[in-house]
PDB file of N, CA and C in Angstrom:
ATOM      1  N   MET A   1     115.755 109.491 165.538  1.00  0.00           N
ATOM      2  CA  MET A   1     116.874 108.585 165.627  1.00  0.00           C
ATOM      3  C   MET A   1     116.527 107.239 165.006  1.00  0.00           C
ATOM      4  N   LYS A   2     115.265 106.841 165.124  1.00  0.00           N
ATOM      5  CA  LYS A   2     114.832 105.550 164.584  1.00  0.00           C
ATOM      6  C   LYS A   2     114.916 105.559 163.055  1.00  0.00           C
ATOM      7  N   THR A   3     114.513 106.664 162.433  1.00  0.00           N
ATOM      8  CA  THR A   3     114.569 106.745 160.970  1.00  0.00           C
ATOM      9  C   THR A   3     116.008 106.715 160.485  1.00  0.00           C
ATOM     10  N   ARG A   4     116.883 107.287 161.281  1.00  0.00           N
ATOM     11  CA  ARG A   4     118.305 107.279 160.915  1.00  0.00           C
ATOM     12  C   ARG A   4     118.837 105.848 160.890  1.00  0.00           C
ATOM     13  N   GLU A   5     118.458 105.031 161.833  1.00  0.00           N
ATOM     14  CA  GLU A   5     118.896 103.638 161.879  1.00  0.00           C
ATOM     15  C   GLU A   5     118.312 102.838 160.712  1.00  0.00           C
ATOM     16  N   VAL A   6     117.063 103.115 160.376  1.00  0.00           N
ATOM     17  CA  VAL A   6     116.429 102.414 159.251  1.00  0.00           C
ATOM     18  C   VAL A   6     117.141 102.759 157.952  1.00  0.00           C
ATOM     19  N   ILE A   7     117.445 104.029 157.775  1.00  0.00           N
ATOM     20  CA  ILE A   7     118.150 104.463 156.560  1.00  0.00           C
ATOM     21  C   ILE A   7     119.542 103.844 156.509  1.00  0.00           C
ATOM     22  N   ASP A   8     120.234 103.797 157.653  1.00  0.00           N
ATOM     23  CA  ASP A   8     121.562 103.175 157.694  1.00  0.00           C
ATOM     24  C   ASP A   8     121.482 101.685 157.367  1.00  0.00           C
ATOM     25  N   ASN A   9     120.454 101.004 157.867  1.00  0.00           N
ATOM     26  CA  ASN A   9     120.287  99.578 157.566  1.00  0.00           C
ATOM     27  C   ASN A   9     120.038  99.353 156.076  1.00  0.00           C
ATOM     28  N   LEU A  10     119.182 100.177 155.494  1.00  0.00           N
ATOM     29  CA  LEU A  10     118.887 100.019 154.066  1.00  0.00           C
ATOM     30  C   LEU A  10     120.097 100.355 153.203  1.00  0.00           C
ATOM     31  N   ALA A  11     120.759 101.458 153.513  1.00  0.00           N
ATOM     32  CA  ALA A  11     121.906 101.882 152.717  1.00  0.00           C
ATOM     33  C   ALA A  11     123.100 100.957 152.925  1.00  0.00           C
ATOM     34  N   GLY A  12     123.262 100.446 154.125  1.00  0.00           N
ATOM     35  CA  GLY A  12     124.402  99.589 154.423  1.00  0.00           C
ATOM     36  C   GLY A  12     124.216  98.154 153.979  1.00  0.00           C
ATOM     37  N   GLY A  13     122.987  97.785 153.665  1.00  0.00           N
ATOM     38  CA  GLY A  13     122.746  96.433 153.210  1.00  0.00           C
ATOM     39  C   GLY A  13     122.517  95.442 154.337  1.00  0.00           C
ATOM     40  N   MET A  14     122.357  95.912 155.552  1.00  0.00           N
ATOM     41  CA  MET A  14     122.144  95.005 156.683  1.00  0.00           C
ATOM     42  C   MET A  14     120.784  94.321 156.612  1.00  0.00           C
ATOM     43  N   TRP A  15     119.835  94.908 155.939  1.00  0.00           N
ATOM     44  CA  TRP A  15     118.513  94.273 155.821  1.00  0.00           C
ATOM     45  C   TRP A  15     118.603  92.987 155.012  1.00  0.00           C
ATOM     46  N   LEU A  16     119.591  92.921 154.099  1.00  0.00           N
ATOM     47  CA  LEU A  16     119.795  91.682 153.350  1.00  0.00           C
ATOM     48  C   LEU A  16     120.274  90.560 154.271  1.00  0.00           C
ATOM     49  N   VAL A  17     121.165  90.900 155.165  1.00  0.00           N
ATOM     50  CA  VAL A  17     121.691  89.902 156.098  1.00  0.00           C
ATOM     51  C   VAL A  17     120.601  89.481 157.080  1.00  0.00           C
ATOM     52  N   ASN A  18     119.830  90.443 157.547  1.00  0.00           N
ATOM     53  CA  ASN A  18     118.791  90.144 158.541  1.00  0.00           C
ATOM     54  C   ASN A  18     117.660  89.310 157.944  1.00  0.00           C
ATOM     55  N   THR A  19     117.328  89.510 156.669  1.00  0.00           N
ATOM     56  CA  THR A  19     116.236  88.742 156.065  1.00  0.00           C
ATOM     57  C   THR A  19     116.689  87.355 155.644  1.00  0.00           C
ATOM     58  N   GLY A  20     117.958  87.113 155.570  1.00  0.00           N
ATOM     59  CA  GLY A  20     118.461  85.789 155.224  1.00  0.00           C
ATOM     60  C   GLY A  20     118.443  85.510 153.730  1.00  0.00           C
ATOM     61  N   ILE A  21     118.486  86.555 152.938  1.00  0.00           N
ATOM     62  CA  ILE A  21     118.430  86.368 151.485  1.00  0.00           C
ATOM     63  C   ILE A  21     119.728  85.767 150.951  1.00  0.00           C
ATOM     64  N   PHE A  22     120.802  85.896 151.705  1.00  0.00           N
ATOM     65  CA  PHE A  22     122.069  85.342 151.238  1.00  0.00           C
ATOM     66  C   PHE A  22     122.064  83.818 151.236  1.00  0.00           C
ATOM     67  N   ARG A  23     121.133  83.218 151.957  1.00  0.00           N
ATOM     68  CA  ARG A  23     121.019  81.760 151.902  1.00  0.00           C
ATOM     69  C   ARG A  23     120.558  81.318 150.516  1.00  0.00           C
ATOM     70  N   HIS A  24     119.825  82.181 149.847  1.00  0.00           N
ATOM     71  CA  HIS A  24     119.276  81.874 148.528  1.00  0.00           C
ATOM     72  C   HIS A  24     119.996  82.672 147.430  1.00  0.00           C
ATOM     73  N   ALA A  25     121.261  82.923 147.635  1.00  0.00           N
ATOM     74  CA  ALA A  25     122.012  83.775 146.709  1.00  0.00           C
ATOM     75  C   ALA A  25     122.048  83.186 145.302  1.00  0.00           C
ATOM     76  N   THR A  26     122.193  81.879 145.174  1.00  0.00           N
ATOM     77  CA  THR A  26     122.248  81.289 143.827  1.00  0.00           C
ATOM     78  C   THR A  26     120.915  81.459 143.106  1.00  0.00           C
ATOM     79  N   PHE A  27     119.815  81.328 143.842  1.00  0.00           N
ATOM     80  CA  PHE A  27     118.503  81.519 143.223  1.00  0.00           C
ATOM     81  C   PHE A  27     118.311  82.975 142.800  1.00  0.00           C
ATOM     82  N   VAL A  28     118.755  83.900 143.630  1.00  0.00           N
ATOM     83  CA  VAL A  28     118.639  85.326 143.300  1.00  0.00           C
ATOM     84  C   VAL A  28     119.475  85.646 142.070  1.00  0.00           C
ATOM     85  N   ILE A  29     120.678  85.104 142.002  1.00  0.00           N
ATOM     86  CA  ILE A  29     121.530  85.327 140.827  1.00  0.00           C
ATOM     87  C   ILE A  29     120.877  84.726 139.585  1.00  0.00           C
ATOM     88  N   TYR A  30     120.259  83.560 139.722  1.00  0.00           N
ATOM     89  CA  TYR A  30     119.550  82.923 138.610  1.00  0.00           C
ATOM     90  C   TYR A  30     118.394  83.803 138.130  1.00  0.00           C
ATOM     91  N   ILE A  31     117.640  84.365 139.060  1.00  0.00           N
ATOM     92  CA  ILE A  31     116.526  85.254 138.697  1.00  0.00           C
ATOM     93  C   ILE A  31     117.056  86.501 137.988  1.00  0.00           C
ATOM     94  N   PHE A  32     118.137  87.091 138.499  1.00  0.00           N
ATOM     95  CA  PHE A  32     118.726  88.253 137.833  1.00  0.00           C
ATOM     96  C   PHE A  32     119.189  87.902 136.424  1.00  0.00           C
ATOM     97  N   PHE A  33     119.781  86.727 136.266  1.00  0.00           N
ATOM     98  CA  PHE A  33     120.213  86.279 134.942  1.00  0.00           C
ATOM     99  C   PHE A  33     119.020  86.162 133.999  1.00  0.00           C
ATOM    100  N   LEU A  34     117.908  85.594 134.478  1.00  0.00           N
ATOM    101  CA  LEU A  34     116.711  85.473 133.638  1.00  0.00           C
ATOM    102  C   LEU A  34     116.152  86.840 133.251  1.00  0.00           C
ATOM    103  N   VAL A  35     116.178  87.781 134.185  1.00  0.00           N
ATOM    104  CA  VAL A  35     115.686  89.134 133.887  1.00  0.00           C
ATOM    105  C   VAL A  35     116.562  89.792 132.832  1.00  0.00           C
ATOM    106  N   ILE A  36     117.867  89.664 132.968  1.00  0.00           N
ATOM    107  CA  ILE A  36     118.782  90.250 131.981  1.00  0.00           C
ATOM    108  C   ILE A  36     118.597  89.583 130.626  1.00  0.00           C
ATOM    109  N   LEU A  37     118.419  88.270 130.613  1.00  0.00           N
ATOM    110  CA  LEU A  37     118.167  87.549 129.367  1.00  0.00           C
ATOM    111  C   LEU A  37     116.867  88.022 128.717  1.00  0.00           C
ATOM    112  N   TYR A  38     115.836  88.219 129.510  1.00  0.00           N
ATOM    113  CA  TYR A  38     114.543  88.696 129.005  1.00  0.00           C
ATOM    114  C   TYR A  38     114.675  90.085 128.384  1.00  0.00           C
ATOM    115  N   ILE A  39     115.393  90.970 129.048  1.00  0.00           N
ATOM    116  CA  ILE A  39     115.587  92.324 128.522  1.00  0.00           C
ATOM    117  C   ILE A  39     116.376  92.271 127.219  1.00  0.00           C
ATOM    118  N   GLY A  40     117.415  91.456 127.177  1.00  0.00           N
ATOM    119  CA  GLY A  40     118.205  91.325 125.948  1.00  0.00           C
ATOM    120  C   GLY A  40     117.391  90.777 124.793  1.00  0.00           C
ATOM    121  N   MET A  41     116.542  89.795 125.070  1.00  0.00           N
ATOM    122  CA  MET A  41     115.701  89.236 124.006  1.00  0.00           C
ATOM    123  C   MET A  41     114.707  90.273 123.500  1.00  0.00           C
ATOM    124  N   ASN A  42     114.167  91.088 124.401  1.00  0.00           N
ATOM    125  CA  ASN A  42     113.236  92.136 123.966  1.00  0.00           C
ATOM    126  C   ASN A  42     113.928  93.147 123.062  1.00  0.00           C
ATOM    127  N   PHE A  43     115.166  93.520 123.387  1.00  0.00           N
ATOM    128  CA  PHE A  43     115.899  94.435 122.522  1.00  0.00           C
ATOM    129  C   PHE A  43     116.154  93.806 121.160  1.00  0.00           C
ATOM    130  N   GLY A  44     116.489  92.519 121.137  1.00  0.00           N
ATOM    131  CA  GLY A  44     116.711  91.828 119.864  1.00  0.00           C
ATOM    132  C   GLY A  44     115.449  91.755 119.031  1.00  0.00           C
ATOM    133  N   ILE A  45     114.325  91.475 119.676  1.00  0.00           N
ATOM    134  CA  ILE A  45     113.051  91.402 118.954  1.00  0.00           C
ATOM    135  C   ILE A  45     112.675  92.768 118.409  1.00  0.00           C
ATOM    136  N   ASP A  46     112.870  93.815 119.200  1.00  0.00           N
ATOM    137  CA  ASP A  46     112.571  95.165 118.719  1.00  0.00           C
ATOM    138  C   ASP A  46     113.421  95.507 117.504  1.00  0.00           C
ATOM    139  N   SER A  47     114.688  95.135 117.555  1.00  0.00           N
ATOM    140  CA  SER A  47     115.576  95.407 116.425  1.00  0.00           C
ATOM    141  C   SER A  47     115.113  94.678 115.172  1.00  0.00           C
ATOM    142  N   SER A  48     114.716  93.425 115.320  1.00  0.00           N
ATOM    143  CA  SER A  48     114.258  92.678 114.144  1.00  0.00           C
ATOM    144  C   SER A  48     112.930  93.225 113.625  1.00  0.00           C
ATOM    145  N   GLN A  49     112.075  93.725 114.501  1.00  0.00           N
ATOM    146  CA  GLN A  49     110.817  94.320 114.049  1.00  0.00           C
ATOM    147  C   GLN A  49     111.067  95.609 113.279  1.00  0.00           C
ATOM    148  N   VAL A  50     112.031  96.400 113.713  1.00  0.00           N
ATOM    149  CA  VAL A  50     112.377  97.622 112.983  1.00  0.00           C
ATOM    150  C   VAL A  50     112.897  97.263 111.596  1.00  0.00           C
ATOM    151  N   THR A  51     113.739  96.236 111.518  1.00  0.00           N
ATOM    152  CA  THR A  51     114.258  95.789 110.225  1.00  0.00           C
ATOM    153  C   THR A  51     113.131  95.287 109.335  1.00  0.00           C
ATOM    154  N   GLU A  52     112.185  94.557 109.913  1.00  0.00           N
ATOM    155  CA  GLU A  52     111.061  94.040 109.129  1.00  0.00           C
ATOM    156  C   GLU A  52     110.194  95.177 108.598  1.00  0.00           C
ATOM    157  N   ARG A  53     109.930  96.178 109.433  1.00  0.00           N
ATOM    158  CA  ARG A  53     109.136  97.328 108.965  1.00  0.00           C
ATOM    159  C   ARG A  53     109.846  98.051 107.826  1.00  0.00           C
ATOM    160  N   ARG A  54     111.159  98.198 107.949  1.00  0.00           N
ATOM    161  CA  ARG A  54     111.925  98.864 106.898  1.00  0.00           C
ATOM    162  C   ARG A  54     111.858  98.056 105.602  1.00  0.00           C
ATOM    163  N   ASN A  55     111.980  96.732 105.705  1.00  0.00           N
ATOM    164  CA  ASN A  55     111.912  95.877 104.518  1.00  0.00           C
ATOM    165  C   ASN A  55     110.534  95.905 103.876  1.00  0.00           C
ATOM    166  N   VAL A  56     109.480  95.955 104.684  1.00  0.00           N
ATOM    167  CA  VAL A  56     108.124  96.036 104.138  1.00  0.00           C
ATOM    168  C   VAL A  56     107.951  97.338 103.367  1.00  0.00           C
ATOM    169  N   GLN A  57     108.489  98.431 103.898  1.00  0.00           N
ATOM    170  CA  GLN A  57     108.382  99.717 103.197  1.00  0.00           C
ATOM    171  C   GLN A  57     109.163  99.679 101.884  1.00  0.00           C
ATOM    172  N   ILE A  58     110.333  99.064 101.885  1.00  0.00           N
ATOM    173  CA  ILE A  58     111.115  98.945 100.650  1.00  0.00           C
ATOM    174  C   ILE A  58     110.359  98.103  99.636  1.00  0.00           C
ATOM    175  N   LEU A  59     109.724  97.018 100.085  1.00  0.00           N
ATOM    176  CA  LEU A  59     108.935  96.184  99.171  1.00  0.00           C
ATOM    177  C   LEU A  59     107.766  96.959  98.573  1.00  0.00           C
ATOM    178  N   LYS A  60     107.113  97.785  99.376  1.00  0.00           N
ATOM    179  CA  LYS A  60     106.014  98.603  98.852  1.00  0.00           C
ATOM    180  C   LYS A  60     106.524  99.560  97.782  1.00  0.00           C
ATOM    181  N   ASP A  61     107.674 100.185  98.042  1.00  0.00           N
ATOM    182  CA  ASP A  61     108.247 101.104  97.060  1.00  0.00           C
ATOM    183  C   ASP A  61     108.615 100.368  95.774  1.00  0.00           C
ATOM    184  N   LEU A  62     109.214  99.183  95.902  1.00  0.00           N
ATOM    185  CA  LEU A  62     109.586  98.412  94.717  1.00  0.00           C
ATOM    186  C   LEU A  62     108.357  97.958  93.933  1.00  0.00           C
ATOM    187  N   LYS A  63     107.294  97.604  94.634  1.00  0.00           N
ATOM    188  CA  LYS A  63     106.067  97.195  93.955  1.00  0.00           C
ATOM    189  C   LYS A  63     105.460  98.366  93.191  1.00  0.00           C
ATOM    190  N   ALA A  64     105.469  99.550  93.797  1.00  0.00           N
ATOM    191  CA  ALA A  64     104.958 100.733  93.108  1.00  0.00           C
ATOM    192  C   ALA A  64     105.810 101.046  91.881  1.00  0.00           C
ATOM    193  N   ASP A  65     107.122 100.912  92.014  1.00  0.00           N
ATOM    194  CA  ASP A  65     108.020 101.147  90.886  1.00  0.00           C
ATOM    195  C   ASP A  65     107.754 100.138  89.771  1.00  0.00           C
ATOM    196  N   TYR A  66     107.571  98.868  90.136  1.00  0.00           N
ATOM    197  CA  TYR A  66     107.280  97.819  89.159  1.00  0.00           C
ATOM    198  C   TYR A  66     105.961  98.097  88.444  1.00  0.00           C
ATOM    199  N   THR A  67     104.950  98.498  89.190  1.00  0.00           N
ATOM    200  CA  THR A  67     103.648  98.790  88.593  1.00  0.00           C
ATOM    201  C   THR A  67     103.754  99.952  87.614  1.00  0.00           C
ATOM    202  N   GLY A  68     104.502 100.970  87.981  1.00  0.00           N
ATOM    203  CA  GLY A  68     104.687 102.113  87.089  1.00  0.00           C
ATOM    204  C   GLY A  68     105.411 101.731  85.813  1.00  0.00           C
ATOM    205  N   LYS A  69     106.458 100.950  85.943  1.00  0.00           N
ATOM    206  CA  LYS A  69     107.206 100.522  84.754  1.00  0.00           C
ATOM    207  C   LYS A  69     106.360  99.620  83.865  1.00  0.00           C
ATOM    208  N   THR A  70     105.572  98.751  84.477  1.00  0.00           N
ATOM    209  CA  THR A  70     104.693  97.878  83.697  1.00  0.00           C
ATOM    210  C   THR A  70     103.672  98.698  82.926  1.00  0.00           C
ATOM    211  N   ALA A  71     103.113  99.706  83.571  1.00  0.00           N
ATOM    212  CA  ALA A  71     102.132 100.560  82.890  1.00  0.00           C
ATOM    213  C   ALA A  71     102.778 101.301  81.724  1.00  0.00           C
ATOM    214  N   ARG A  72     103.996 101.803  81.927  1.00  0.00           N
ATOM    215  CA  ARG A  72     104.685 102.501  80.829  1.00  0.00           C
ATOM    216  C   ARG A  72     104.968 101.556  79.668  1.00  0.00           C
ATOM    217  N   LEU A  73     105.403 100.337  79.974  1.00  0.00           N
ATOM    218  CA  LEU A  73     105.687  99.373  78.907  1.00  0.00           C
ATOM    219  C   LEU A  73     104.416  98.968  78.170  1.00  0.00           C
ATOM    220  N   LEU A  74     103.324  98.802  78.888  1.00  0.00           N
ATOM    221  CA  LEU A  74     102.062  98.475  78.223  1.00  0.00           C
ATOM    222  C   LEU A  74     101.611  99.617  77.322  1.00  0.00           C
ATOM    223  N   TYR A  75     101.829 100.829  77.767  1.00  0.00           N
ATOM    224  CA  TYR A  75     101.457 101.983  76.957  1.00  0.00           C
ATOM    225  C   TYR A  75     102.302 102.030  75.682  1.00  0.00           C
ATOM    226  N   GLN A  76     103.579 101.758  75.812  1.00  0.00           N
ATOM    227  CA  GLN A  76     104.461 101.800  74.648  1.00  0.00           C
ATOM    228  C   GLN A  76     104.224 100.628  73.711  1.00  0.00           C
ATOM    229  N   SER A  77     103.654  99.562  74.216  1.00  0.00           N
ATOM    230  CA  SER A  77     103.471  98.398  73.364  1.00  0.00           C
ATOM    231  C   SER A  77     102.215  98.488  72.508  1.00  0.00           C
ATOM    232  N   LYS A  78     101.473  99.516  72.683  1.00  0.00           N
ATOM    233  CA  LYS A  78     100.309  99.678  71.815  1.00  0.00           C
ATOM    234  C   LYS A  78     100.785  99.837  70.373  1.00  0.00           C
ATOM    235  N   ARG A  79     100.006  99.305  69.481  1.00  0.00           N
ATOM    236  CA  ARG A  79     100.404  99.304  68.076  1.00  0.00           C
ATOM    237  C   ARG A  79     100.567 100.718  67.526  1.00  0.00           C
ATOM    238  N   LEU A  80      99.661 101.589  67.862  1.00  0.00           N
ATOM    239  CA  LEU A  80      99.740 102.956  67.365  1.00  0.00           C
ATOM    240  C   LEU A  80     100.998 103.643  67.867  1.00  0.00           C
ATOM    241  N   GLU A  81     101.310 103.416  69.117  1.00  0.00           N
ATOM    242  CA  GLU A  81     102.516 104.029  69.668  1.00  0.00           C
ATOM    243  C   GLU A  81     103.763 103.516  68.955  1.00  0.00           C
ATOM    244  N   VAL A  82     103.759 102.237  68.633  1.00  0.00           N
ATOM    245  CA  VAL A  82     104.901 101.664  67.919  1.00  0.00           C
ATOM    246  C   VAL A  82     105.010 102.279  66.528  1.00  0.00           C
ATOM    247  N   GLU A  83     103.879 102.411  65.859  1.00  0.00           N
ATOM    248  CA  GLU A  83     103.907 103.007  64.521  1.00  0.00           C
ATOM    249  C   GLU A  83     104.376 104.454  64.576  1.00  0.00           C
ATOM    250  N   LEU A  84     103.937 105.188  65.575  1.00  0.00           N
ATOM    251  CA  LEU A  84     104.390 106.577  65.707  1.00  0.00           C
ATOM    252  C   LEU A  84     105.895 106.649  65.958  1.00  0.00           C
ATOM    253  N   LYS A  85     106.395 105.761  66.782  1.00  0.00           N
ATOM    254  CA  LYS A  85     107.841 105.743  67.028  1.00  0.00           C
ATOM    255  C   LYS A  85     108.607 105.384  65.758  1.00  0.00           C
ATOM    256  N   LEU A  86     108.055 104.439  64.971  1.00  0.00           N
ATOM    257  CA  LEU A  86     108.726 104.053  63.726  1.00  0.00           C
ATOM    258  C   LEU A  86     108.761 105.216  62.744  1.00  0.00           C
ATOM    259  N   THR A  87     107.666 105.925  62.622  1.00  0.00           N
ATOM    260  CA  THR A  87     107.669 107.083  61.711  1.00  0.00           C
ATOM    261  C   THR A  87     108.557 108.190  62.254  1.00  0.00           C
ATOM    262  N   GLU A  88     108.627 108.314  63.531  1.00  0.00           N
ATOM    263  CA  GLU A  88     109.475 109.335  64.139  1.00  0.00           C
ATOM    264  C   GLU A  88     110.947 109.078  63.829  1.00  0.00           C
ATOM    265  N   TYR A  89     111.340 107.807  63.804  1.00  0.00           N
ATOM    266  CA  TYR A  89     112.723 107.448  63.515  1.00  0.00           C
ATOM    267  C   TYR A  89     112.956 107.158  62.029  1.00  0.00           C
ATOM    268  N   ASN A  90     111.991 107.485  61.185  1.00  0.00           N
ATOM    269  CA  ASN A  90     112.096 107.289  59.730  1.00  0.00           C
ATOM    270  C   ASN A  90     112.426 105.838  59.379  1.00  0.00           C
ATOM    271  N   SER A  91     111.725 104.921  59.978  1.00  0.00           N
ATOM    272  CA  SER A  91     111.947 103.506  59.724  1.00  0.00           C
ATOM    273  C   SER A  91     111.247 103.097  58.432  1.00  0.00           C
ATOM    274  N   THR A  92     111.798 102.079  57.758  1.00  0.00           N
ATOM    275  CA  THR A  92     111.196 101.584  56.516  1.00  0.00           C
ATOM    276  C   THR A  92     110.260 100.409  56.763  1.00  0.00           C
ATOM    277  N   LEU A  93     110.037 100.047  58.009  1.00  0.00           N
ATOM    278  CA  LEU A  93     109.121  98.951  58.318  1.00  0.00           C
ATOM    279  C   LEU A  93     107.690  99.364  57.994  1.00  0.00           C
ATOM    280  N   LYS A  94     106.934  98.387  57.483  1.00  0.00           N
ATOM    281  CA  LYS A  94     105.535  98.646  57.154  1.00  0.00           C
ATOM    282  C   LYS A  94     104.669  97.653  57.908  1.00  0.00           C
ATOM    283  N   SER A  95     103.434  98.013  58.124  1.00  0.00           N
ATOM    284  CA  SER A  95     102.525  97.098  58.814  1.00  0.00           C
ATOM    285  C   SER A  95     102.173  95.946  57.883  1.00  0.00           C
ATOM    286  N   PRO A  96     101.933  94.765  58.402  1.00  0.00           N
ATOM    287  CA  PRO A  96     101.644  93.599  57.559  1.00  0.00           C
ATOM    288  C   PRO A  96     100.297  93.748  56.842  1.00  0.00           C
ATOM    289  N   GLN A  97     100.253  93.220  55.608  1.00  0.00           N
ATOM    290  CA  GLN A  97      99.027  93.282  54.818  1.00  0.00           C
ATOM    291  C   GLN A  97      98.110  92.107  55.115  1.00  0.00           C
ATOM    292  N   GLU A  98      98.687  90.987  55.516  1.00  0.00           N
ATOM    293  CA  GLU A  98      97.900  89.792  55.804  1.00  0.00           C
ATOM    294  C   GLU A  98      97.939  89.514  57.307  1.00  0.00           C
ATOM    295  N   PRO A  99      96.889  88.904  57.819  1.00  0.00           N
ATOM    296  CA  PRO A  99      96.916  88.566  59.250  1.00  0.00           C
ATOM    297  C   PRO A  99      97.911  87.434  59.519  1.00  0.00           C
ATOM    298  N   PRO A 100      98.346  87.273  60.724  1.00  0.00           N
ATOM    299  CA  PRO A 100      99.295  86.205  61.031  1.00  0.00           C
ATOM    300  C   PRO A 100      98.671  84.828  60.823  1.00  0.00           C
ATOM    301  N   ARG A 101      99.523  83.877  60.445  1.00  0.00           N
ATOM    302  CA  ARG A 101      99.076  82.506  60.209  1.00  0.00           C
ATOM    303  C   ARG A 101      99.761  81.574  61.183  1.00  0.00           C
ATOM    304  N   ARG A 102      99.101  80.464  61.418  1.00  0.00           N
ATOM    305  CA  ARG A 102      99.678  79.444  62.278  1.00  0.00           C
ATOM    306  C   ARG A 102     100.452  78.469  61.402  1.00  0.00           C
ATOM    307  N   VAL A 103     101.668  78.177  61.807  1.00  0.00           N
ATOM    308  CA  VAL A 103     102.508  77.236  61.077  1.00  0.00           C
ATOM    309  C   VAL A 103     102.420  75.891  61.786  1.00  0.00           C
ATOM    310  N   ILE A 104     101.988  74.874  61.037  1.00  0.00           N
ATOM    311  CA  ILE A 104     101.869  73.532  61.604  1.00  0.00           C
ATOM    312  C   ILE A 104     102.910  72.649  60.938  1.00  0.00           C
ATOM    313  N   ILE A 105     103.743  72.038  61.735  1.00  0.00           N
ATOM    314  CA  ILE A 105     104.784  71.148  61.219  1.00  0.00           C
ATOM    315  C   ILE A 105     104.352  69.725  61.507  1.00  0.00           C
ATOM    316  N   GLU A 106     104.225  68.929  60.418  1.00  0.00           N
ATOM    317  CA  GLU A 106     103.835  67.534  60.580  1.00  0.00           C
ATOM    318  C   GLU A 106     105.089  66.674  60.637  1.00  0.00           C
ATOM    319  N   LYS A 107     105.054  65.687  61.473  1.00  0.00           N
ATOM    320  CA  LYS A 107     106.215  64.805  61.604  1.00  0.00           C
ATOM    321  C   LYS A 107     105.996  63.533  60.861  1.00  0.00           C
TER     322      LYS A 107
END
């Protein structure tokens, strides 16, 4: 019978009245508000961390793509490759006979 009364007190909320917690109701509500605020901030931080991880992965992919394109362009810019492409397209351009010169303009 004693356990039945204890269960009724807990389920009915009478233990709150007996402990006098209602005198501090504003403080309890303030604490609950802080807990809810803390949980909300944690969810927001987790969301921003997921976005940051996704952006870091995209940056890695873009860097790899940039490196690949740079390597291809460097390969194509070799003189021999250019000459082969010119002959492939039947171009009339010829390689220079003299080395390049510096042009100096005097004022």
